[in-house]
Amino acid sequence: MGERKFTVDMEKGEDGWFVAQCREIPEAMTQGKTIEEAKKNIVEVIDLILTERRKKVIDKPIETIEVTV
C-alpha cells in the first residue's frame, strides 16, 4: 500500500508530556516526553491499527463507501 497522510493533533499536557491523536483514526492516540517521541509513537500506532484493519478485511470482506451529508 502506498504512503498515506493523516492529520495529527499534538498538545502538551499539564504533566509536560506531549499527547498525539489522529483525526482520521480517533482511537490512534499516544504520548511522548518530547514532540519527536510523540510523533514516532503516533506513526507506530497508526501503522498497527491499519495493519489490524487490513487483516480483518482479508478475513471478512466489507464494502467501503463514501457518503455526503
PDB file of N, CA and C in Angstrom:
ATOM      1  N   MET A   1       0.851  -1.173   0.000  1.00  0.00           N
ATOM      2  CA  MET A   1       0.000   0.000   0.000  1.00  0.00           C
ATOM      3  C   MET A   1       0.893   1.231   0.000  1.00  0.00           C
ATOM      4  N   GLY A   2       0.490   2.248  -0.729  1.00  0.00           N
ATOM      5  CA  GLY A   2       1.276   3.471  -0.832  1.00  0.00           C
ATOM      6  C   GLY A   2       1.257   4.295   0.443  1.00  0.00           C
ATOM      7  N   GLU A   3       2.036   5.324   0.409  1.00  0.00           N
ATOM      8  CA  GLU A   3       2.127   6.229   1.549  1.00  0.00           C
ATOM      9  C   GLU A   3       0.828   7.005   1.708  1.00  0.00           C
ATOM     10  N   ARG A   4       0.378   7.142   2.942  1.00  0.00           N
ATOM     11  CA  ARG A   4      -0.847   7.905   3.228  1.00  0.00           C
ATOM     12  C   ARG A   4      -0.522   8.986   4.239  1.00  0.00           C
ATOM     13  N   LYS A   5      -1.266  10.070   4.179  1.00  0.00           N
ATOM     14  CA  LYS A   5      -1.073  11.175   5.119  1.00  0.00           C
ATOM     15  C   LYS A   5      -2.264  11.259   6.055  1.00  0.00           C
ATOM     16  N   PHE A   6      -1.986  11.578   7.292  1.00  0.00           N
ATOM     17  CA  PHE A   6      -3.012  11.719   8.309  1.00  0.00           C
ATOM     18  C   PHE A   6      -2.785  13.021   9.059  1.00  0.00           C
ATOM     19  N   THR A   7      -3.864  13.553   9.624  1.00  0.00           N
ATOM     20  CA  THR A   7      -3.790  14.769  10.433  1.00  0.00           C
ATOM     21  C   THR A   7      -3.683  14.363  11.894  1.00  0.00           C
ATOM     22  N   VAL A   8      -2.662  14.868  12.567  1.00  0.00           N
ATOM     23  CA  VAL A   8      -2.449  14.529  13.969  1.00  0.00           C
ATOM     24  C   VAL A   8      -2.423  15.811  14.793  1.00  0.00           C
ATOM     25  N   ASP A   9      -3.247  15.859  15.820  1.00  0.00           N
ATOM     26  CA  ASP A   9      -3.252  16.974  16.761  1.00  0.00           C
ATOM     27  C   ASP A   9      -2.274  16.650  17.884  1.00  0.00           C
ATOM     28  N   MET A  10      -1.409  17.625  18.187  1.00  0.00           N
ATOM     29  CA  MET A  10      -0.434  17.456  19.257  1.00  0.00           C
ATOM     30  C   MET A  10      -0.700  18.538  20.297  1.00  0.00           C
ATOM     31  N   GLU A  11      -0.692  18.156  21.545  1.00  0.00           N
ATOM     32  CA  GLU A  11      -0.804  19.168  22.593  1.00  0.00           C
ATOM     33  C   GLU A  11       0.016  18.746  23.801  1.00  0.00           C
ATOM     34  N   LYS A  12       0.468  19.736  24.512  1.00  0.00           N
ATOM     35  CA  LYS A  12       1.269  19.473  25.697  1.00  0.00           C
ATOM     36  C   LYS A  12       0.343  19.407  26.899  1.00  0.00           C
ATOM     37  N   GLY A  13       0.398  18.292  27.599  1.00  0.00           N
ATOM     38  CA  GLY A  13      -0.440  18.104  28.767  1.00  0.00           C
ATOM     39  C   GLY A  13       0.095  18.837  29.977  1.00  0.00           C
ATOM     40  N   GLU A  14      -0.713  18.910  31.010  1.00  0.00           N
ATOM     41  CA  GLU A  14      -0.320  19.578  32.251  1.00  0.00           C
ATOM     42  C   GLU A  14       0.888  18.909  32.895  1.00  0.00           C
ATOM     43  N   ASP A  15       1.058  17.612  32.605  1.00  0.00           N
ATOM     44  CA  ASP A  15       2.183  16.869  33.176  1.00  0.00           C
ATOM     45  C   ASP A  15       3.469  17.045  32.372  1.00  0.00           C
ATOM     46  N   GLY A  16       3.384  17.831  31.259  1.00  0.00           N
ATOM     47  CA  GLY A  16       4.564  18.087  30.452  1.00  0.00           C
ATOM     48  C   GLY A  16       4.754  17.124  29.297  1.00  0.00           C
ATOM     49  N   TRP A  17       3.977  16.045  29.252  1.00  0.00           N
ATOM     50  CA  TRP A  17       4.055  15.078  28.159  1.00  0.00           C
ATOM     51  C   TRP A  17       3.275  15.609  26.964  1.00  0.00           C
ATOM     52  N   PHE A  18       3.694  15.211  25.777  1.00  0.00           N
ATOM     53  CA  PHE A  18       3.009  15.595  24.545  1.00  0.00           C
ATOM     54  C   PHE A  18       2.046  14.481  24.144  1.00  0.00           C
ATOM     55  N   VAL A  19       0.799  14.848  23.897  1.00  0.00           N
ATOM     56  CA  VAL A  19      -0.240  13.894  23.518  1.00  0.00           C
ATOM     57  C   VAL A  19      -0.532  14.074  22.036  1.00  0.00           C
ATOM     58  N   ALA A  20      -0.590  12.968  21.318  1.00  0.00           N
ATOM     59  CA  ALA A  20      -0.866  12.980  19.879  1.00  0.00           C
ATOM     60  C   ALA A  20      -2.104  12.135  19.600  1.00  0.00           C
ATOM     61  N   GLN A  21      -3.023  12.685  18.772  1.00  0.00           N
ATOM     62  CA  GLN A  21      -4.217  11.939  18.379  1.00  0.00           C
ATOM     63  C   GLN A  21      -4.486  12.198  16.909  1.00  0.00           C
ATOM     64  N   CYS A  22      -4.765  11.115  16.187  1.00  0.00           N
ATOM     65  CA  CYS A  22      -5.038  11.190  14.758  1.00  0.00           C
ATOM     66  C   CYS A  22      -6.508  11.535  14.539  1.00  0.00           C
ATOM     67  N   ARG A  23      -6.779  12.575  13.741  1.00  0.00           N
ATOM     68  CA  ARG A  23      -8.170  12.979  13.486  1.00  0.00           C
ATOM     69  C   ARG A  23      -8.940  11.924  12.692  1.00  0.00           C
ATOM     70  N   GLU A  24      -8.284  11.315  11.720  1.00  0.00           N
ATOM     71  CA  GLU A  24      -8.967  10.340  10.862  1.00  0.00           C
ATOM     72  C   GLU A  24      -9.164   8.989  11.545  1.00  0.00           C
ATOM     73  N   ILE A  25      -8.359   8.706  12.550  1.00  0.00           N
ATOM     74  CA  ILE A  25      -8.458   7.444  13.303  1.00  0.00           C
ATOM     75  C   ILE A  25      -8.457   7.817  14.783  1.00  0.00           C
ATOM     76  N   PRO A  26      -9.606   8.197  15.331  1.00  0.00           N
ATOM     77  CA  PRO A  26      -9.664   8.718  16.708  1.00  0.00           C
ATOM     78  C   PRO A  26      -9.072   7.783  17.764  1.00  0.00           C
ATOM     79  N   GLU A  27      -9.142   6.479  17.518  1.00  0.00           N
ATOM     80  CA  GLU A  27      -8.587   5.546  18.507  1.00  0.00           C
ATOM     81  C   GLU A  27      -7.052   5.527  18.481  1.00  0.00           C
ATOM     82  N   ALA A  28      -6.449   6.176  17.475  1.00  0.00           N
ATOM     83  CA  ALA A  28      -4.988   6.277  17.401  1.00  0.00           C
ATOM     84  C   ALA A  28      -4.551   7.457  18.261  1.00  0.00           C
ATOM     85  N   MET A  29      -4.086   7.128  19.450  1.00  0.00           N
ATOM     86  CA  MET A  29      -3.708   8.156  20.410  1.00  0.00           C
ATOM     87  C   MET A  29      -2.515   7.645  21.197  1.00  0.00           C
ATOM     88  N   THR A  30      -1.562   8.535  21.468  1.00  0.00           N
ATOM     89  CA  THR A  30      -0.374   8.148  22.219  1.00  0.00           C
ATOM     90  C   THR A  30       0.245   9.385  22.849  1.00  0.00           C
ATOM     91  N   GLN A  31       1.382   9.211  23.481  1.00  0.00           N
ATOM     92  CA  GLN A  31       2.064  10.339  24.094  1.00  0.00           C
ATOM     93  C   GLN A  31       3.567  10.124  24.040  1.00  0.00           C
ATOM     94  N   GLY A  32       4.297  11.160  24.388  1.00  0.00           N
ATOM     95  CA  GLY A  32       5.750  11.081  24.444  1.00  0.00           C
ATOM     96  C   GLY A  32       6.292  12.197  25.311  1.00  0.00           C
ATOM     97  N   LYS A  33       7.492  11.998  25.826  1.00  0.00           N
ATOM     98  CA  LYS A  33       8.124  13.032  26.660  1.00  0.00           C
ATOM     99  C   LYS A  33       8.513  14.243  25.824  1.00  0.00           C
ATOM    100  N   THR A  34       8.762  14.014  24.520  1.00  0.00           N
ATOM    101  CA  THR A  34       9.110  15.092  23.601  1.00  0.00           C
ATOM    102  C   THR A  34       8.165  15.031  22.403  1.00  0.00           C
ATOM    103  N   ILE A  35       8.123  16.115  21.622  1.00  0.00           N
ATOM    104  CA  ILE A  35       7.306  16.116  20.407  1.00  0.00           C
ATOM    105  C   ILE A  35       7.789  15.017  19.463  1.00  0.00           C
ATOM    106  N   GLU A  36       9.110  14.877  19.337  1.00  0.00           N
ATOM    107  CA  GLU A  36       9.672  13.870  18.445  1.00  0.00           C
ATOM    108  C   GLU A  36       9.257  12.462  18.864  1.00  0.00           C
ATOM    109  N   GLU A  37       9.271  12.188  20.154  1.00  0.00           N
ATOM    110  CA  GLU A  37       8.864  10.871  20.645  1.00  0.00           C
ATOM    111  C   GLU A  37       7.375  10.638  20.385  1.00  0.00           C
ATOM    112  N   ALA A  38       6.555  11.665  20.605  1.00  0.00           N
ATOM    113  CA  ALA A  38       5.116  11.539  20.351  1.00  0.00           C
ATOM    114  C   ALA A  38       4.853  11.292  18.865  1.00  0.00           C
ATOM    115  N   LYS A  39       5.590  11.989  17.973  1.00  0.00           N
ATOM    116  CA  LYS A  39       5.434  11.772  16.529  1.00  0.00           C
ATOM    117  C   LYS A  39       5.796  10.337  16.153  1.00  0.00           C
ATOM    118  N   LYS A  40       6.922   9.855  16.674  1.00  0.00           N
ATOM    119  CA  LYS A  40       7.361   8.486  16.398  1.00  0.00           C
ATOM    120  C   LYS A  40       6.305   7.490  16.879  1.00  0.00           C
ATOM    121  N   ASN A  41       5.792   7.728  18.072  1.00  0.00           N
ATOM    122  CA  ASN A  41       4.800   6.819  18.653  1.00  0.00           C
ATOM    123  C   ASN A  41       3.498   6.807  17.862  1.00  0.00           C
ATOM    124  N   ILE A  42       3.021   7.983  17.404  1.00  0.00           N
ATOM    125  CA  ILE A  42       1.743   8.015  16.685  1.00  0.00           C
ATOM    126  C   ILE A  42       1.868   7.315  15.337  1.00  0.00           C
ATOM    127  N   VAL A  43       3.034   7.427  14.688  1.00  0.00           N
ATOM    128  CA  VAL A  43       3.253   6.710  13.426  1.00  0.00           C
ATOM    129  C   VAL A  43       3.144   5.205  13.668  1.00  0.00           C
ATOM    130  N   GLU A  44       3.748   4.728  14.747  1.00  0.00           N
ATOM    131  CA  GLU A  44       3.684   3.300  15.076  1.00  0.00           C
ATOM    132  C   GLU A  44       2.257   2.863  15.374  1.00  0.00           C
ATOM    133  N   VAL A  45       1.524   3.671  16.130  1.00  0.00           N
ATOM    134  CA  VAL A  45       0.147   3.333  16.491  1.00  0.00           C
ATOM    135  C   VAL A  45      -0.741   3.278  15.244  1.00  0.00           C
ATOM    136  N   ILE A  46      -0.628   4.279  14.380  1.00  0.00           N
ATOM    137  CA  ILE A  46      -1.426   4.298  13.148  1.00  0.00           C
ATOM    138  C   ILE A  46      -1.106   3.077  12.301  1.00  0.00           C
ATOM    139  N   ASP A  47       0.176   2.755  12.162  1.00  0.00           N
ATOM    140  CA  ASP A  47       0.576   1.589  11.373  1.00  0.00           C
ATOM    141  C   ASP A  47      -0.012   0.308  11.955  1.00  0.00           C
ATOM    142  N   LEU A  48       0.032   0.156  13.268  1.00  0.00           N
ATOM    143  CA  LEU A  48      -0.533  -1.041  13.906  1.00  0.00           C
ATOM    144  C   LEU A  48      -2.036  -1.146  13.662  1.00  0.00           C
ATOM    145  N   ILE A  49      -2.741  -0.044  13.813  1.00  0.00           N
ATOM    146  CA  ILE A  49      -4.196  -0.054  13.611  1.00  0.00           C
ATOM    147  C   ILE A  49      -4.526  -0.397  12.173  1.00  0.00           C
ATOM    148  N   LEU A  50      -3.831   0.220  11.214  1.00  0.00           N
ATOM    149  CA  LEU A  50      -4.106  -0.064   9.798  1.00  0.00           C
ATOM    150  C   LEU A  50      -3.781  -1.507   9.447  1.00  0.00           C
ATOM    151  N   THR A  51      -2.717  -2.051  10.024  1.00  0.00           N
ATOM    152  CA  THR A  51      -2.366  -3.455   9.788  1.00  0.00           C
ATOM    153  C   THR A  51      -3.475  -4.374  10.297  1.00  0.00           C
ATOM    154  N   GLU A  52      -3.977  -4.099  11.482  1.00  0.00           N
ATOM    155  CA  GLU A  52      -5.065  -4.908  12.039  1.00  0.00           C
ATOM    156  C   GLU A  52      -6.339  -4.780  11.204  1.00  0.00           C
ATOM    157  N   ARG A  53      -6.633  -3.570  10.744  1.00  0.00           N
ATOM    158  CA  ARG A  53      -7.819  -3.373   9.904  1.00  0.00           C
ATOM    159  C   ARG A  53      -7.697  -4.167   8.609  1.00  0.00           C
ATOM    160  N   ARG A  54      -6.492  -4.161   8.004  1.00  0.00           N
ATOM    161  CA  ARG A  54      -6.291  -4.915   6.759  1.00  0.00           C
ATOM    162  C   ARG A  54      -6.508  -6.403   6.986  1.00  0.00           C
ATOM    163  N   LYS A  55      -6.024  -6.924   8.117  1.00  0.00           N
ATOM    164  CA  LYS A  55      -6.220  -8.343   8.438  1.00  0.00           C
ATOM    165  C   LYS A  55      -7.706  -8.667   8.537  1.00  0.00           C
ATOM    166  N   LYS A  56      -8.465  -7.789   9.164  1.00  0.00           N
ATOM    167  CA  LYS A  56      -9.902  -8.027   9.309  1.00  0.00           C
ATOM    168  C   LYS A  56     -10.597  -8.008   7.960  1.00  0.00           C
ATOM    169  N   VAL A  57     -10.177  -7.115   7.087  1.00  0.00           N
ATOM    170  CA  VAL A  57     -10.785  -7.026   5.754  1.00  0.00           C
ATOM    171  C   VAL A  57     -10.492  -8.294   4.967  1.00  0.00           C
ATOM    172  N   ILE A  58      -9.285  -8.817   5.106  1.00  0.00           N
ATOM    173  CA  ILE A  58      -8.930 -10.047   4.407  1.00  0.00           C
ATOM    174  C   ILE A  58      -9.756 -11.201   4.951  1.00  0.00           C
ATOM    175  N   ASP A  59      -9.906 -11.271   6.275  1.00  0.00           N
ATOM    176  CA  ASP A  59     -10.668 -12.347   6.903  1.00  0.00           C
ATOM    177  C   ASP A  59     -12.165 -12.227   6.652  1.00  0.00           C
ATOM    178  N   LYS A  60     -12.655 -11.012   6.583  1.00  0.00           N
ATOM    179  CA  LYS A  60     -14.091 -10.783   6.431  1.00  0.00           C
ATOM    180  C   LYS A  60     -14.273  -9.569   5.532  1.00  0.00           C
ATOM    181  N   PRO A  61     -14.402  -9.800   4.238  1.00  0.00           N
ATOM    182  CA  PRO A  61     -14.525  -8.663   3.313  1.00  0.00           C
ATOM    183  C   PRO A  61     -15.718  -7.775   3.657  1.00  0.00           C
ATOM    184  N   ILE A  62     -15.476  -6.473   3.554  1.00  0.00           N
ATOM    185  CA  ILE A  62     -16.537  -5.500   3.743  1.00  0.00           C
ATOM    186  C   ILE A  62     -16.490  -4.519   2.577  1.00  0.00           C
ATOM    187  N   GLU A  63     -17.541  -3.778   2.413  1.00  0.00           N
ATOM    188  CA  GLU A  63     -17.586  -2.771   1.375  1.00  0.00           C
ATOM    189  C   GLU A  63     -17.386  -1.411   2.014  1.00  0.00           C
ATOM    190  N   THR A  64     -16.553  -0.609   1.405  1.00  0.00           N
ATOM    191  CA  THR A  64     -16.323   0.748   1.878  1.00  0.00           C
ATOM    192  C   THR A  64     -16.965   1.708   0.906  1.00  0.00           C
ATOM    193  N   ILE A  65     -17.789   2.630   1.416  1.00  0.00           N
ATOM    194  CA  ILE A  65     -18.464   3.592   0.554  1.00  0.00           C
ATOM    195  C   ILE A  65     -18.229   4.994   1.089  1.00  0.00           C
ATOM    196  N   GLU A  66     -18.420   5.990   0.253  1.00  0.00           N
ATOM    197  CA  GLU A  66     -18.369   7.386   0.670  1.00  0.00           C
ATOM    198  C   GLU A  66     -19.789   7.916   0.663  1.00  0.00           C
ATOM    199  N   VAL A  67     -20.109   8.730   1.636  1.00  0.00           N
ATOM    200  CA  VAL A  67     -21.431   9.348   1.698  1.00  0.00           C
ATOM    201  C   VAL A  67     -21.272  10.846   1.847  1.00  0.00           C
ATOM    202  N   THR A  68     -22.259  11.572   1.379  1.00  0.00           N
ATOM    203  CA  THR A  68     -22.274  13.014   1.512  1.00  0.00           C
ATOM    204  C   THR A  68     -23.435  13.402   2.404  1.00  0.00           C
ATOM    205  N   VAL A  69     -23.175  14.260   3.363  1.00  0.00           N
ATOM    206  CA  VAL A  69     -24.230  14.688   4.298  1.00  0.00           C
ATOM    207  C   VAL A  69     -24.452  16.172   4.122  1.00  0.00           C
TER     208      VAL A  69
END
